[in-house]
Amino acid sequence: MSGSNTSAPGSAASSPEPLSFTVHSQPDPRALGEPQQRAGRLRMLLVLAVCAAPVIASYFTFYVIKPKGSAYGELITPTVQLPANLPLTDLQGQRVAAESLHGQWLLVAVQPSACDAACERELFVQRQLREMLGKERARVDKIWLIPDDGTPRPEVLAAVQQKGVEATVLRVPQEALAGWLKPAEGKTLRDHFYVVDPLGRWMLRAPADPDPKKFQGDLSKLLKASAGWDNPGR
């Protein structure tokens, strides 16, 4: 039939050619692993360095540069970390995690539950030292550690827990506490104030019967040196 679009015999439409894939050699994953691991470690170190830089700078300022003179108290080098397993309890006997004390500067006093006149004076000076810091006092917590099983007199507790100037009162066994804080030679634990940084490291010990104004100068320098990384409140 004229005008038909039939193909001539023997001229069948050619079949499409099969697709071909070129397989390239793959890199040895072991060869990629080491550089990637090194890069990962490097990134981790850089992150840690950035996070630690303010802390390192503040400690360098206080320990090495020592602005406006050296410390009145005794710097503890190396610092001593608050033990994570320190057996702290409140006055009701409830366990208190040591980590809960992190995040603030701590001004620590160690006094017995049977608080005598010398103990009362120490706790009064502790309160005054914090108040002398002015607007920076919110960055410092007062801690009274009791190394026995007794309970302080109600009037003593009322004095240290007045609204706005509360101290945290905790019990801890004497032998456990001695594994963290140490008195100066010839002194006892109750003769000093101990300063602990927000990372939980004991780093400064006040002289026995300290001059409050001079020791407050140490505290002010510490707070100034750490202003870039420490914030008020836990």
N, C-alpha and C. Protein backbone atom coordinates (compact mmCIF):
# COMPACT_ATOMS: atom_id res chain seq x y z
N MET A 1 0.85 -1.19 0.00
CA MET A 1 0.00 0.00 0.00
C MET A 1 0.87 1.22 0.00
N SER A 2 0.53 2.14 -0.97
CA SER A 2 1.42 3.31 -1.10
C SER A 2 1.29 4.18 0.11
N GLY A 3 2.38 4.83 0.47
CA GLY A 3 2.41 5.76 1.62
C GLY A 3 2.62 5.07 2.93
N SER A 4 2.71 3.70 2.91
CA SER A 4 2.95 3.01 4.20
C SER A 4 4.34 3.28 4.69
N ASN A 5 4.50 3.15 6.00
CA ASN A 5 5.78 3.49 6.64
C ASN A 5 6.44 2.25 7.15
N THR A 6 6.31 1.16 6.38
CA THR A 6 6.90 -0.12 6.80
C THR A 6 8.35 -0.15 6.42
N SER A 7 9.10 -0.87 7.19
CA SER A 7 10.54 -0.99 6.92
C SER A 7 10.77 -2.07 5.92
N ALA A 8 11.76 -1.89 5.19
CA ALA A 8 12.11 -2.89 4.18
C ALA A 8 12.60 -4.12 4.86
N PRO A 9 12.33 -5.28 4.20
CA PRO A 9 12.82 -6.55 4.75
C PRO A 9 14.32 -6.48 4.94
N GLY A 10 14.71 -7.01 6.09
CA GLY A 10 16.16 -7.06 6.35
C GLY A 10 16.70 -5.79 6.94
N SER A 11 15.82 -4.74 7.11
CA SER A 11 16.34 -3.50 7.71
C SER A 11 15.67 -3.23 9.05
N ALA A 12 15.52 -4.29 9.89
CA ALA A 12 14.89 -4.16 11.20
C ALA A 12 15.60 -3.09 12.03
N ALA A 13 14.77 -2.41 12.90
CA ALA A 13 15.35 -1.33 13.75
C ALA A 13 16.45 -1.91 14.63
N SER A 14 17.53 -1.18 14.68
CA SER A 14 18.68 -1.67 15.46
C SER A 14 18.36 -1.66 16.94
N SER A 15 18.78 -2.69 17.67
CA SER A 15 18.55 -2.79 19.13
C SER A 15 19.45 -1.83 19.87
N PRO A 16 18.93 -1.21 20.96
CA PRO A 16 19.80 -0.29 21.72
C PRO A 16 20.97 -1.02 22.34
N GLU A 17 22.14 -0.36 22.38
CA GLU A 17 23.33 -0.98 22.96
C GLU A 17 23.21 -1.02 24.47
N PRO A 18 23.65 -2.06 25.11
CA PRO A 18 23.58 -2.15 26.58
C PRO A 18 24.47 -1.08 27.22
N LEU A 19 23.98 -0.55 28.39
CA LEU A 19 24.77 0.45 29.12
C LEU A 19 26.02 -0.19 29.68
N SER A 20 27.07 0.57 29.69
CA SER A 20 28.32 0.04 30.27
C SER A 20 28.71 0.91 31.45
N PHE A 21 29.25 0.30 32.49
CA PHE A 21 29.69 1.01 33.69
C PHE A 21 31.20 0.86 33.82
N THR A 22 31.82 1.99 34.14
CA THR A 22 33.27 1.94 34.34
C THR A 22 33.54 1.88 35.83
N VAL A 23 34.18 0.87 36.27
CA VAL A 23 34.50 0.70 37.69
C VAL A 23 35.89 1.24 37.94
N HIS A 24 35.91 2.31 38.77
CA HIS A 24 37.21 2.90 39.13
C HIS A 24 37.70 2.26 40.41
N SER A 25 38.98 2.27 40.58
CA SER A 25 39.54 1.70 41.81
C SER A 25 39.15 2.59 43.00
N GLN A 26 38.75 1.98 44.13
CA GLN A 26 38.33 2.71 45.32
C GLN A 26 39.53 2.92 46.24
N PRO A 27 39.54 4.06 46.95
CA PRO A 27 40.65 4.29 47.88
C PRO A 27 40.59 3.32 49.04
N ASP A 28 41.72 2.97 49.53
CA ASP A 28 41.82 2.07 50.67
C ASP A 28 41.28 2.78 51.90
N PRO A 29 40.18 2.27 52.52
CA PRO A 29 39.62 2.96 53.69
C PRO A 29 40.62 3.10 54.82
N ARG A 30 41.59 2.19 54.89
CA ARG A 30 42.60 2.32 55.94
C ARG A 30 43.47 3.54 55.73
N ALA A 31 43.66 3.89 54.42
CA ALA A 31 44.49 5.06 54.12
C ALA A 31 43.76 6.34 54.49
N LEU A 32 42.41 6.33 54.36
CA LEU A 32 41.63 7.52 54.72
C LEU A 32 41.44 7.62 56.21
N GLY A 33 41.43 6.48 56.90
CA GLY A 33 41.10 6.47 58.32
C GLY A 33 42.05 7.29 59.17
N GLU A 34 43.35 7.13 58.98
CA GLU A 34 44.32 7.81 59.84
C GLU A 34 44.25 9.32 59.72
N PRO A 35 44.25 9.91 58.49
CA PRO A 35 44.13 11.37 58.40
C PRO A 35 42.83 11.89 59.01
N GLN A 36 41.72 11.16 58.79
CA GLN A 36 40.45 11.60 59.35
C GLN A 36 40.46 11.55 60.86
N GLN A 37 41.08 10.49 61.40
CA GLN A 37 41.18 10.39 62.85
C GLN A 37 42.03 11.52 63.43
N ARG A 38 43.13 11.82 62.73
CA ARG A 38 43.99 12.91 63.20
C ARG A 38 43.25 14.24 63.16
N ALA A 39 42.49 14.45 62.07
CA ALA A 39 41.73 15.70 61.94
C ALA A 39 40.68 15.80 63.04
N GLY A 40 40.02 14.65 63.36
CA GLY A 40 39.02 14.65 64.43
C GLY A 40 39.63 14.96 65.78
N ARG A 41 40.79 14.36 66.03
CA ARG A 41 41.46 14.64 67.30
C ARG A 41 41.88 16.10 67.38
N LEU A 42 42.35 16.65 66.27
CA LEU A 42 42.77 18.04 66.25
C LEU A 42 41.60 18.97 66.53
N ARG A 43 40.44 18.66 65.90
CA ARG A 43 39.25 19.49 66.15
C ARG A 43 38.83 19.43 67.61
N MET A 44 38.90 18.23 68.19
CA MET A 44 38.54 18.07 69.60
C MET A 44 39.47 18.89 70.50
N LEU A 45 40.77 18.82 70.20
CA LEU A 45 41.73 19.58 70.99
C LEU A 45 41.50 21.08 70.87
N LEU A 46 41.15 21.52 69.66
CA LEU A 46 40.88 22.95 69.46
C LEU A 46 39.66 23.39 70.26
N VAL A 47 38.61 22.55 70.26
CA VAL A 47 37.41 22.89 71.05
C VAL A 47 37.74 22.96 72.53
N LEU A 48 38.50 21.98 73.02
CA LEU A 48 38.89 21.98 74.43
C LEU A 48 39.74 23.19 74.77
N ALA A 49 40.64 23.56 73.83
CA ALA A 49 41.50 24.72 74.07
C ALA A 49 40.69 26.00 74.17
N VAL A 50 39.70 26.13 73.27
CA VAL A 50 38.85 27.33 73.29
C VAL A 50 38.07 27.40 74.59
N CYS A 51 37.53 26.25 75.04
CA CYS A 51 36.75 26.23 76.28
C CYS A 51 37.63 26.51 77.50
N ALA A 52 38.85 25.99 77.48
CA ALA A 52 39.72 26.12 78.64
C ALA A 52 40.48 27.43 78.68
N ALA A 53 40.57 28.13 77.56
CA ALA A 53 41.40 29.33 77.48
C ALA A 53 41.07 30.37 78.55
N PRO A 54 39.79 30.71 78.78
CA PRO A 54 39.51 31.71 79.81
C PRO A 54 39.95 31.28 81.20
N VAL A 55 39.75 29.97 81.50
CA VAL A 55 40.16 29.47 82.81
C VAL A 55 41.68 29.56 82.96
N ILE A 56 42.38 29.11 81.92
CA ILE A 56 43.85 29.15 81.96
C ILE A 56 44.34 30.59 82.09
N ALA A 57 43.72 31.49 81.35
CA ALA A 57 44.13 32.90 81.39
C ALA A 57 43.93 33.50 82.77
N SER A 58 42.80 33.18 83.40
CA SER A 58 42.52 33.75 84.72
C SER A 58 43.50 33.21 85.76
N TYR A 59 43.81 31.91 85.67
CA TYR A 59 44.77 31.35 86.61
C TYR A 59 46.17 31.88 86.35
N PHE A 60 46.51 32.08 85.09
CA PHE A 60 47.82 32.65 84.77
C PHE A 60 47.92 34.05 85.36
N THR A 61 46.84 34.81 85.22
CA THR A 61 46.83 36.17 85.76
C THR A 61 47.05 36.16 87.26
N PHE A 62 46.34 35.27 87.96
CA PHE A 62 46.42 35.27 89.42
C PHE A 62 47.71 34.67 89.94
N TYR A 63 48.12 33.54 89.34
CA TYR A 63 49.29 32.84 89.86
C TYR A 63 50.61 33.43 89.39
N VAL A 64 50.66 33.88 88.13
CA VAL A 64 51.93 34.30 87.54
C VAL A 64 52.07 35.83 87.55
N ILE A 65 51.11 36.51 86.95
CA ILE A 65 51.19 37.97 86.91
C ILE A 65 50.95 38.56 88.28
N LYS A 66 50.00 37.97 89.03
CA LYS A 66 49.68 38.41 90.39
C LYS A 66 49.42 39.92 90.44
N PRO A 67 48.31 40.38 89.89
CA PRO A 67 48.05 41.81 89.86
C PRO A 67 48.01 42.40 91.25
N LYS A 68 48.59 43.59 91.39
CA LYS A 68 48.60 44.33 92.64
C LYS A 68 49.19 43.51 93.79
N GLY A 69 50.30 42.87 93.54
CA GLY A 69 50.99 42.16 94.59
C GLY A 69 50.62 40.70 94.67
N SER A 70 51.36 39.96 95.48
CA SER A 70 51.14 38.53 95.61
C SER A 70 49.98 38.27 96.56
N ALA A 71 49.58 37.00 96.64
CA ALA A 71 48.44 36.63 97.46
C ALA A 71 48.77 36.75 98.95
N TYR A 72 47.77 37.15 99.72
CA TYR A 72 47.90 37.18 101.17
C TYR A 72 47.78 35.76 101.73
N GLY A 73 46.84 34.98 101.18
CA GLY A 73 46.70 33.59 101.58
C GLY A 73 47.72 32.72 100.86
N GLU A 74 47.68 31.42 101.17
CA GLU A 74 48.62 30.47 100.56
C GLU A 74 47.99 29.80 99.35
N LEU A 75 48.59 30.01 98.18
CA LEU A 75 48.11 29.36 96.97
C LEU A 75 48.44 27.87 97.01
N ILE A 76 47.50 27.05 96.61
CA ILE A 76 47.68 25.61 96.64
C ILE A 76 48.04 25.15 95.23
N THR A 77 49.28 24.69 95.06
CA THR A 77 49.74 24.23 93.75
C THR A 77 50.39 22.85 93.91
N PRO A 78 49.91 21.86 93.18
CA PRO A 78 48.76 21.93 92.29
C PRO A 78 47.46 22.00 93.08
N THR A 79 46.41 22.47 92.43
CA THR A 79 45.12 22.50 93.07
C THR A 79 44.65 21.08 93.38
N VAL A 80 43.70 20.96 94.31
CA VAL A 80 43.21 19.64 94.73
C VAL A 80 41.73 19.54 94.41
N GLN A 81 41.37 18.59 93.56
CA GLN A 81 39.99 18.43 93.11
C GLN A 81 39.09 17.90 94.22
N LEU A 82 37.91 18.49 94.33
CA LEU A 82 36.89 18.00 95.25
C LEU A 82 36.56 16.55 94.87
N PRO A 83 36.77 15.59 95.78
CA PRO A 83 36.50 14.17 95.43
C PRO A 83 35.02 13.96 95.08
N ALA A 84 34.77 13.30 93.98
CA ALA A 84 33.39 13.05 93.57
C ALA A 84 32.66 12.17 94.57
N ASN A 85 33.40 11.35 95.32
CA ASN A 85 32.78 10.43 96.28
C ASN A 85 32.85 10.95 97.72
N LEU A 86 33.12 12.24 97.91
CA LEU A 86 33.17 12.79 99.26
C LEU A 86 31.79 12.60 99.91
N PRO A 87 31.71 11.91 101.05
CA PRO A 87 30.41 11.57 101.64
C PRO A 87 29.77 12.74 102.39
N LEU A 88 29.16 13.63 101.67
CA LEU A 88 28.50 14.80 102.24
C LEU A 88 27.03 14.48 102.54
N THR A 89 26.53 14.98 103.67
CA THR A 89 25.11 14.88 103.99
C THR A 89 24.65 16.21 104.57
N ASP A 90 23.34 16.49 104.43
CA ASP A 90 22.80 17.67 105.08
C ASP A 90 22.47 17.32 106.54
N LEU A 91 21.92 18.28 107.28
CA LEU A 91 21.67 18.06 108.70
C LEU A 91 20.53 17.07 108.94
N GLN A 92 19.76 16.76 107.90
CA GLN A 92 18.70 15.75 108.02
C GLN A 92 19.21 14.35 107.63
N GLY A 93 20.50 14.26 107.29
CA GLY A 93 21.08 12.98 106.95
C GLY A 93 20.93 12.59 105.49
N GLN A 94 20.42 13.50 104.66
CA GLN A 94 20.26 13.20 103.24
C GLN A 94 21.58 13.39 102.50
N ARG A 95 21.90 12.46 101.63
CA ARG A 95 23.15 12.53 100.87
C ARG A 95 23.14 13.73 99.93
N VAL A 96 24.26 14.42 99.86
CA VAL A 96 24.43 15.56 98.96
C VAL A 96 25.59 15.25 98.02
N ALA A 97 25.33 15.28 96.74
CA ALA A 97 26.38 14.98 95.76
C ALA A 97 27.45 16.07 95.76
N ALA A 98 28.70 15.67 95.76
CA ALA A 98 29.79 16.65 95.75
C ALA A 98 29.71 17.54 94.51
N GLU A 99 29.26 16.97 93.38
CA GLU A 99 29.16 17.75 92.15
C GLU A 99 28.19 18.92 92.27
N SER A 100 27.25 18.83 93.21
CA SER A 100 26.28 19.92 93.38
C SER A 100 26.93 21.20 93.88
N LEU A 101 28.16 21.11 94.38
CA LEU A 101 28.88 22.29 94.85
C LEU A 101 29.64 22.99 93.73
N HIS A 102 29.70 22.38 92.57
CA HIS A 102 30.38 23.00 91.44
C HIS A 102 29.57 24.20 90.94
N GLY A 103 30.25 25.12 90.28
CA GLY A 103 29.57 26.23 89.62
C GLY A 103 29.65 27.54 90.37
N GLN A 104 30.15 27.54 91.59
CA GLN A 104 30.33 28.75 92.38
C GLN A 104 31.70 28.73 93.03
N TRP A 105 32.22 29.92 93.31
CA TRP A 105 33.36 29.99 94.23
C TRP A 105 32.85 29.63 95.62
N LEU A 106 33.62 28.85 96.36
CA LEU A 106 33.22 28.43 97.70
C LEU A 106 34.19 28.99 98.73
N LEU A 107 33.64 29.58 99.78
CA LEU A 107 34.43 30.01 100.93
C LEU A 107 34.07 29.05 102.06
N VAL A 108 34.99 28.13 102.35
CA VAL A 108 34.71 26.99 103.21
C VAL A 108 35.30 27.20 104.60
N ALA A 109 34.46 26.93 105.62
CA ALA A 109 34.92 26.88 107.00
C ALA A 109 34.66 25.48 107.53
N VAL A 110 35.60 24.96 108.30
CA VAL A 110 35.44 23.64 108.92
C VAL A 110 35.36 23.87 110.43
N GLN A 111 34.18 23.63 111.00
CA GLN A 111 33.96 23.87 112.42
C GLN A 111 33.08 22.77 113.00
N PRO A 112 33.28 22.43 114.28
CA PRO A 112 32.49 21.36 114.89
C PRO A 112 31.04 21.80 115.14
N SER A 113 30.19 20.82 115.35
CA SER A 113 28.78 21.13 115.64
C SER A 113 28.63 21.85 116.97
N ALA A 114 29.47 21.49 117.96
CA ALA A 114 29.44 22.17 119.25
C ALA A 114 30.21 23.48 119.12
N CYS A 115 29.61 24.42 118.39
CA CYS A 115 30.30 25.65 117.99
C CYS A 115 30.54 26.56 119.19
N ASP A 116 31.82 26.72 119.54
CA ASP A 116 32.19 27.59 120.67
C ASP A 116 32.36 29.03 120.20
N ALA A 117 32.89 29.88 121.07
CA ALA A 117 33.03 31.30 120.74
C ALA A 117 33.96 31.50 119.54
N ALA A 118 35.05 30.74 119.47
CA ALA A 118 35.98 30.87 118.35
C ALA A 118 35.31 30.46 117.04
N CYS A 119 34.50 29.42 117.11
CA CYS A 119 33.76 28.97 115.93
C CYS A 119 32.76 30.04 115.49
N GLU A 120 32.03 30.63 116.43
CA GLU A 120 31.06 31.66 116.09
C GLU A 120 31.74 32.86 115.43
N ARG A 121 32.92 33.20 115.95
CA ARG A 121 33.65 34.32 115.34
C ARG A 121 34.06 33.98 113.92
N GLU A 122 34.51 32.73 113.70
CA GLU A 122 34.93 32.31 112.36
C GLU A 122 33.76 32.40 111.37
N LEU A 123 32.60 31.96 111.80
CA LEU A 123 31.43 32.00 110.93
C LEU A 123 30.97 33.43 110.66
N PHE A 124 31.15 34.30 111.67
CA PHE A 124 30.82 35.72 111.47
C PHE A 124 31.78 36.34 110.46
N VAL A 125 33.08 36.05 110.58
CA VAL A 125 34.06 36.58 109.64
C VAL A 125 33.78 36.04 108.24
N GLN A 126 33.40 34.78 108.13
CA GLN A 126 33.05 34.19 106.83
C GLN A 126 31.93 35.01 106.16
N ARG A 127 30.90 35.33 106.94
CA ARG A 127 29.80 36.12 106.39
C ARG A 127 30.26 37.51 105.97
N GLN A 128 31.08 38.13 106.81
CA GLN A 128 31.56 39.48 106.51
C GLN A 128 32.46 39.50 105.28
N LEU A 129 33.28 38.48 105.12
CA LEU A 129 34.15 38.41 103.94
C LEU A 129 33.32 38.40 102.67
N ARG A 130 32.26 37.64 102.66
CA ARG A 130 31.41 37.59 101.47
C ARG A 130 30.71 38.93 101.24
N GLU A 131 30.20 39.54 102.32
CA GLU A 131 29.51 40.81 102.17
C GLU A 131 30.45 41.91 101.68
N MET A 132 31.72 41.83 102.06
CA MET A 132 32.70 42.83 101.65
C MET A 132 32.97 42.81 100.15
N LEU A 133 32.54 41.75 99.47
CA LEU A 133 32.76 41.64 98.03
C LEU A 133 31.76 42.47 97.23
N GLY A 134 30.78 43.06 97.90
CA GLY A 134 29.82 43.93 97.22
C GLY A 134 29.01 43.19 96.17
N LYS A 135 28.93 43.77 94.99
CA LYS A 135 28.09 43.18 93.94
C LYS A 135 28.61 41.83 93.45
N GLU A 136 29.86 41.50 93.74
CA GLU A 136 30.43 40.22 93.32
C GLU A 136 30.09 39.08 94.29
N ARG A 137 29.46 39.39 95.41
CA ARG A 137 29.22 38.35 96.43
C ARG A 137 28.30 37.24 95.93
N ALA A 138 27.48 37.53 94.91
CA ALA A 138 26.59 36.49 94.38
C ALA A 138 27.36 35.34 93.74
N ARG A 139 28.63 35.54 93.47
CA ARG A 139 29.44 34.50 92.85
C ARG A 139 30.13 33.60 93.88
N VAL A 140 29.89 33.87 95.17
CA VAL A 140 30.56 33.13 96.23
C VAL A 140 29.52 32.53 97.17
N ASP A 141 29.66 31.24 97.47
CA ASP A 141 28.82 30.55 98.45
C ASP A 141 29.62 30.30 99.72
N LYS A 142 28.97 30.45 100.86
CA LYS A 142 29.57 30.11 102.15
C LYS A 142 29.22 28.66 102.49
N ILE A 143 30.23 27.88 102.83
CA ILE A 143 30.04 26.47 103.18
C ILE A 143 30.58 26.23 104.59
N TRP A 144 29.74 25.66 105.45
CA TRP A 144 30.18 25.23 106.78
C TRP A 144 30.19 23.71 106.78
N LEU A 145 31.38 23.13 106.87
CA LEU A 145 31.53 21.68 106.93
C LEU A 145 31.70 21.25 108.38
N ILE A 146 30.86 20.32 108.82
CA ILE A 146 30.88 19.83 110.20
C ILE A 146 31.44 18.41 110.19
N PRO A 147 32.61 18.20 110.79
CA PRO A 147 33.25 16.87 110.72
C PRO A 147 32.84 15.94 111.86
N ASP A 148 31.59 16.02 112.32
CA ASP A 148 31.09 15.13 113.38
C ASP A 148 29.60 14.92 113.18
N ASP A 149 28.99 14.14 114.08
CA ASP A 149 27.58 13.78 113.93
C ASP A 149 26.63 14.66 114.74
N GLY A 150 27.15 15.66 115.41
CA GLY A 150 26.30 16.50 116.25
C GLY A 150 25.46 17.49 115.44
N THR A 151 24.58 18.18 116.15
CA THR A 151 23.72 19.20 115.54
C THR A 151 23.99 20.54 116.21
N PRO A 152 24.30 21.56 115.45
CA PRO A 152 24.56 22.87 116.06
C PRO A 152 23.34 23.41 116.82
N ARG A 153 23.59 24.28 117.76
CA ARG A 153 22.51 24.91 118.51
C ARG A 153 21.60 25.70 117.57
N PRO A 154 20.33 25.76 117.85
CA PRO A 154 19.39 26.47 116.96
C PRO A 154 19.78 27.92 116.72
N GLU A 155 20.28 28.60 117.74
CA GLU A 155 20.63 30.01 117.56
C GLU A 155 21.83 30.20 116.62
N VAL A 156 22.75 29.21 116.62
CA VAL A 156 23.88 29.28 115.71
C VAL A 156 23.41 29.06 114.28
N LEU A 157 22.55 28.07 114.09
CA LEU A 157 22.01 27.82 112.75
C LEU A 157 21.21 29.02 112.25
N ALA A 158 20.44 29.63 113.14
CA ALA A 158 19.65 30.80 112.75
C ALA A 158 20.57 31.94 112.30
N ALA A 159 21.72 32.07 112.96
CA ALA A 159 22.64 33.16 112.62
C ALA A 159 23.29 32.96 111.26
N VAL A 160 23.61 31.70 110.92
CA VAL A 160 24.30 31.46 109.64
C VAL A 160 23.35 31.27 108.48
N GLN A 161 22.06 31.16 108.77
CA GLN A 161 21.09 30.95 107.71
C GLN A 161 20.06 32.07 107.62
N GLN A 162 20.49 33.27 108.00
CA GLN A 162 19.62 34.43 107.83
C GLN A 162 19.31 34.63 106.35
N LYS A 163 18.11 35.08 106.07
CA LYS A 163 17.70 35.28 104.68
C LYS A 163 18.64 36.25 103.97
N GLY A 164 19.10 35.82 102.82
CA GLY A 164 19.99 36.65 102.02
C GLY A 164 21.46 36.40 102.26
N VAL A 165 21.79 35.78 103.41
CA VAL A 165 23.21 35.51 103.72
C VAL A 165 23.39 34.06 104.15
N GLU A 166 22.53 33.17 103.63
CA GLU A 166 22.54 31.77 104.07
C GLU A 166 23.88 31.09 103.78
N ALA A 167 24.28 30.26 104.73
CA ALA A 167 25.41 29.35 104.51
C ALA A 167 24.87 27.96 104.26
N THR A 168 25.58 27.18 103.46
CA THR A 168 25.24 25.77 103.26
C THR A 168 25.97 24.97 104.33
N VAL A 169 25.20 24.25 105.15
CA VAL A 169 25.76 23.50 106.27
C VAL A 169 25.70 22.02 105.93
N LEU A 170 26.86 21.37 105.93
CA LEU A 170 26.95 19.96 105.54
C LEU A 170 27.84 19.21 106.52
N ARG A 171 27.52 17.93 106.69
CA ARG A 171 28.37 17.06 107.49
C ARG A 171 29.27 16.25 106.56
N VAL A 172 30.47 15.97 107.03
CA VAL A 172 31.40 15.10 106.30
C VAL A 172 32.34 14.47 107.32
N PRO A 173 32.58 13.17 107.24
CA PRO A 173 33.49 12.53 108.20
C PRO A 173 34.89 13.16 108.17
N GLN A 174 35.47 13.29 109.34
CA GLN A 174 36.78 13.92 109.48
C GLN A 174 37.82 13.26 108.58
N GLU A 175 37.83 11.92 108.58
CA GLU A 175 38.87 11.22 107.81
C GLU A 175 38.69 11.43 106.32
N ALA A 176 37.44 11.53 105.85
CA ALA A 176 37.19 11.78 104.43
C ALA A 176 37.59 13.21 104.06
N LEU A 177 37.28 14.15 104.93
CA LEU A 177 37.61 15.55 104.66
C LEU A 177 39.12 15.75 104.62
N ALA A 178 39.84 15.01 105.46
CA ALA A 178 41.30 15.13 105.50
C ALA A 178 41.95 14.66 104.21
N GLY A 179 41.22 13.91 103.38
CA GLY A 179 41.74 13.50 102.09
C GLY A 179 41.63 14.57 101.03
N TRP A 180 41.00 15.69 101.38
CA TRP A 180 40.83 16.79 100.42
C TRP A 180 41.50 18.06 100.91
N LEU A 181 41.05 18.59 102.05
CA LEU A 181 41.60 19.83 102.59
C LEU A 181 42.69 19.53 103.62
N LYS A 182 43.69 20.40 103.66
CA LYS A 182 44.81 20.21 104.59
C LYS A 182 45.09 21.53 105.31
N PRO A 183 45.35 21.48 106.62
CA PRO A 183 45.76 22.69 107.32
C PRO A 183 47.25 22.95 107.14
N ALA A 184 47.68 24.14 107.47
CA ALA A 184 49.11 24.44 107.48
C ALA A 184 49.78 23.65 108.60
N GLU A 185 51.08 23.50 108.50
CA GLU A 185 51.82 22.75 109.51
C GLU A 185 51.60 23.36 110.90
N GLY A 186 51.26 22.51 111.85
CA GLY A 186 51.05 22.97 113.21
C GLY A 186 49.66 23.53 113.47
N LYS A 187 48.80 23.51 112.45
CA LYS A 187 47.44 24.03 112.59
C LYS A 187 46.43 22.90 112.41
N THR A 188 45.16 23.20 112.65
CA THR A 188 44.10 22.24 112.43
C THR A 188 43.19 22.75 111.31
N LEU A 189 42.33 21.87 110.82
CA LEU A 189 41.42 22.25 109.74
C LEU A 189 40.57 23.46 110.11
N ARG A 190 40.17 23.57 111.37
CA ARG A 190 39.28 24.66 111.77
C ARG A 190 39.98 26.01 111.86
N ASP A 191 41.30 26.04 111.71
CA ASP A 191 42.05 27.30 111.83
C ASP A 191 42.01 28.15 110.57
N HIS A 192 41.50 27.62 109.46
CA HIS A 192 41.61 28.31 108.17
C HIS A 192 40.26 28.46 107.48
N PHE A 193 40.23 29.38 106.52
CA PHE A 193 39.22 29.36 105.46
C PHE A 193 39.87 28.74 104.23
N TYR A 194 39.06 28.03 103.43
CA TYR A 194 39.55 27.37 102.23
C TYR A 194 38.73 27.88 101.04
N VAL A 195 39.41 28.25 99.97
CA VAL A 195 38.73 28.76 98.78
C VAL A 195 38.78 27.70 97.70
N VAL A 196 37.59 27.39 97.16
CA VAL A 196 37.45 26.38 96.11
C VAL A 196 36.87 27.06 94.88
N ASP A 197 37.44 26.80 93.70
CA ASP A 197 36.98 27.48 92.49
C ASP A 197 35.72 26.81 91.93
N PRO A 198 35.06 27.41 90.93
CA PRO A 198 33.80 26.84 90.41
C PRO A 198 33.94 25.48 89.75
N LEU A 199 35.17 25.05 89.47
CA LEU A 199 35.38 23.71 88.91
C LEU A 199 35.61 22.67 90.00
N GLY A 200 35.51 23.09 91.26
CA GLY A 200 35.65 22.16 92.37
C GLY A 200 37.07 21.94 92.83
N ARG A 201 37.95 22.89 92.57
CA ARG A 201 39.36 22.71 92.93
C ARG A 201 39.73 23.62 94.10
N TRP A 202 40.23 23.00 95.18
CA TRP A 202 40.75 23.79 96.30
C TRP A 202 42.04 24.44 95.85
N MET A 203 42.10 25.78 95.93
CA MET A 203 43.25 26.47 95.37
C MET A 203 43.84 27.57 96.25
N LEU A 204 43.22 27.87 97.41
CA LEU A 204 43.74 28.94 98.28
C LEU A 204 43.36 28.63 99.72
N ARG A 205 44.31 28.87 100.63
CA ARG A 205 44.07 28.68 102.06
C ARG A 205 44.41 29.97 102.79
N ALA A 206 43.48 30.45 103.59
CA ALA A 206 43.71 31.67 104.36
C ALA A 206 44.65 31.39 105.53
N PRO A 207 45.40 32.37 105.96
CA PRO A 207 46.18 32.18 107.19
C PRO A 207 45.25 31.95 108.38
N ALA A 208 45.76 31.36 109.43
CA ALA A 208 44.97 31.24 110.65
C ALA A 208 44.70 32.65 111.19
N ASP A 209 43.47 32.86 111.68
CA ASP A 209 43.05 34.16 112.20
C ASP A 209 43.41 35.28 111.22
N PRO A 210 42.86 35.22 110.03
CA PRO A 210 43.28 36.16 108.97
C PRO A 210 42.79 37.58 109.19
N ASP A 211 43.50 38.51 108.59
CA ASP A 211 43.03 39.90 108.50
C ASP A 211 41.94 39.92 107.42
N PRO A 212 40.69 40.17 107.79
CA PRO A 212 39.61 40.09 106.80
C PRO A 212 39.82 40.98 105.58
N LYS A 213 40.31 42.17 105.78
CA LYS A 213 40.48 43.09 104.66
C LYS A 213 41.53 42.57 103.68
N LYS A 214 42.62 42.02 104.20
CA LYS A 214 43.67 41.49 103.33
C LYS A 214 43.19 40.25 102.58
N PHE A 215 42.48 39.38 103.28
CA PHE A 215 42.01 38.18 102.62
C PHE A 215 40.90 38.49 101.62
N GLN A 216 40.09 39.48 101.93
CA GLN A 216 39.08 39.92 100.97
C GLN A 216 39.74 40.41 99.69
N GLY A 217 40.94 40.98 99.80
CA GLY A 217 41.69 41.39 98.60
C GLY A 217 42.01 40.21 97.71
N ASP A 218 42.37 39.06 98.32
CA ASP A 218 42.61 37.84 97.53
C ASP A 218 41.35 37.43 96.79
N LEU A 219 40.23 37.41 97.50
CA LEU A 219 38.97 37.00 96.90
C LEU A 219 38.58 37.92 95.74
N SER A 220 38.77 39.21 95.94
CA SER A 220 38.42 40.16 94.88
C SER A 220 39.27 39.95 93.64
N LYS A 221 40.57 39.68 93.83
CA LYS A 221 41.44 39.43 92.68
C LYS A 221 41.05 38.16 91.94
N LEU A 222 40.67 37.13 92.70
CA LEU A 222 40.23 35.89 92.07
C LEU A 222 38.97 36.12 91.23
N LEU A 223 38.03 36.83 91.78
CA LEU A 223 36.78 37.08 91.06
C LEU A 223 37.02 37.95 89.83
N LYS A 224 37.92 38.90 89.94
CA LYS A 224 38.24 39.75 88.79
C LYS A 224 38.92 38.93 87.69
N ALA A 225 39.86 38.07 88.10
CA ALA A 225 40.61 37.28 87.11
C ALA A 225 39.71 36.27 86.41
N SER A 226 38.63 35.83 87.07
CA SER A 226 37.77 34.80 86.48
C SER A 226 36.49 35.38 85.89
N ALA A 227 36.40 36.70 85.79
CA ALA A 227 35.15 37.32 85.35
C ALA A 227 34.75 36.90 83.94
N GLY A 228 35.71 36.52 83.10
CA GLY A 228 35.40 36.17 81.72
C GLY A 228 34.73 34.82 81.56
N TRP A 229 34.79 33.94 82.57
CA TRP A 229 34.23 32.60 82.38
C TRP A 229 33.31 32.14 83.50
N ASP A 230 33.30 32.88 84.62
CA ASP A 230 32.47 32.47 85.75
C ASP A 230 31.24 33.37 85.83
N ASN A 231 30.08 32.76 86.04
CA ASN A 231 28.84 33.52 86.15
C ASN A 231 28.21 33.31 87.53
N PRO A 232 27.47 34.30 88.04
CA PRO A 232 26.85 34.14 89.36
C PRO A 232 25.83 33.02 89.35
N GLY A 233 25.76 32.31 90.45
CA GLY A 233 24.72 31.30 90.60
C GLY A 233 25.03 29.99 89.93
N ARG A 234 24.56 28.90 90.53
CA ARG A 234 24.77 27.58 89.92
C ARG A 234 23.79 27.36 88.79
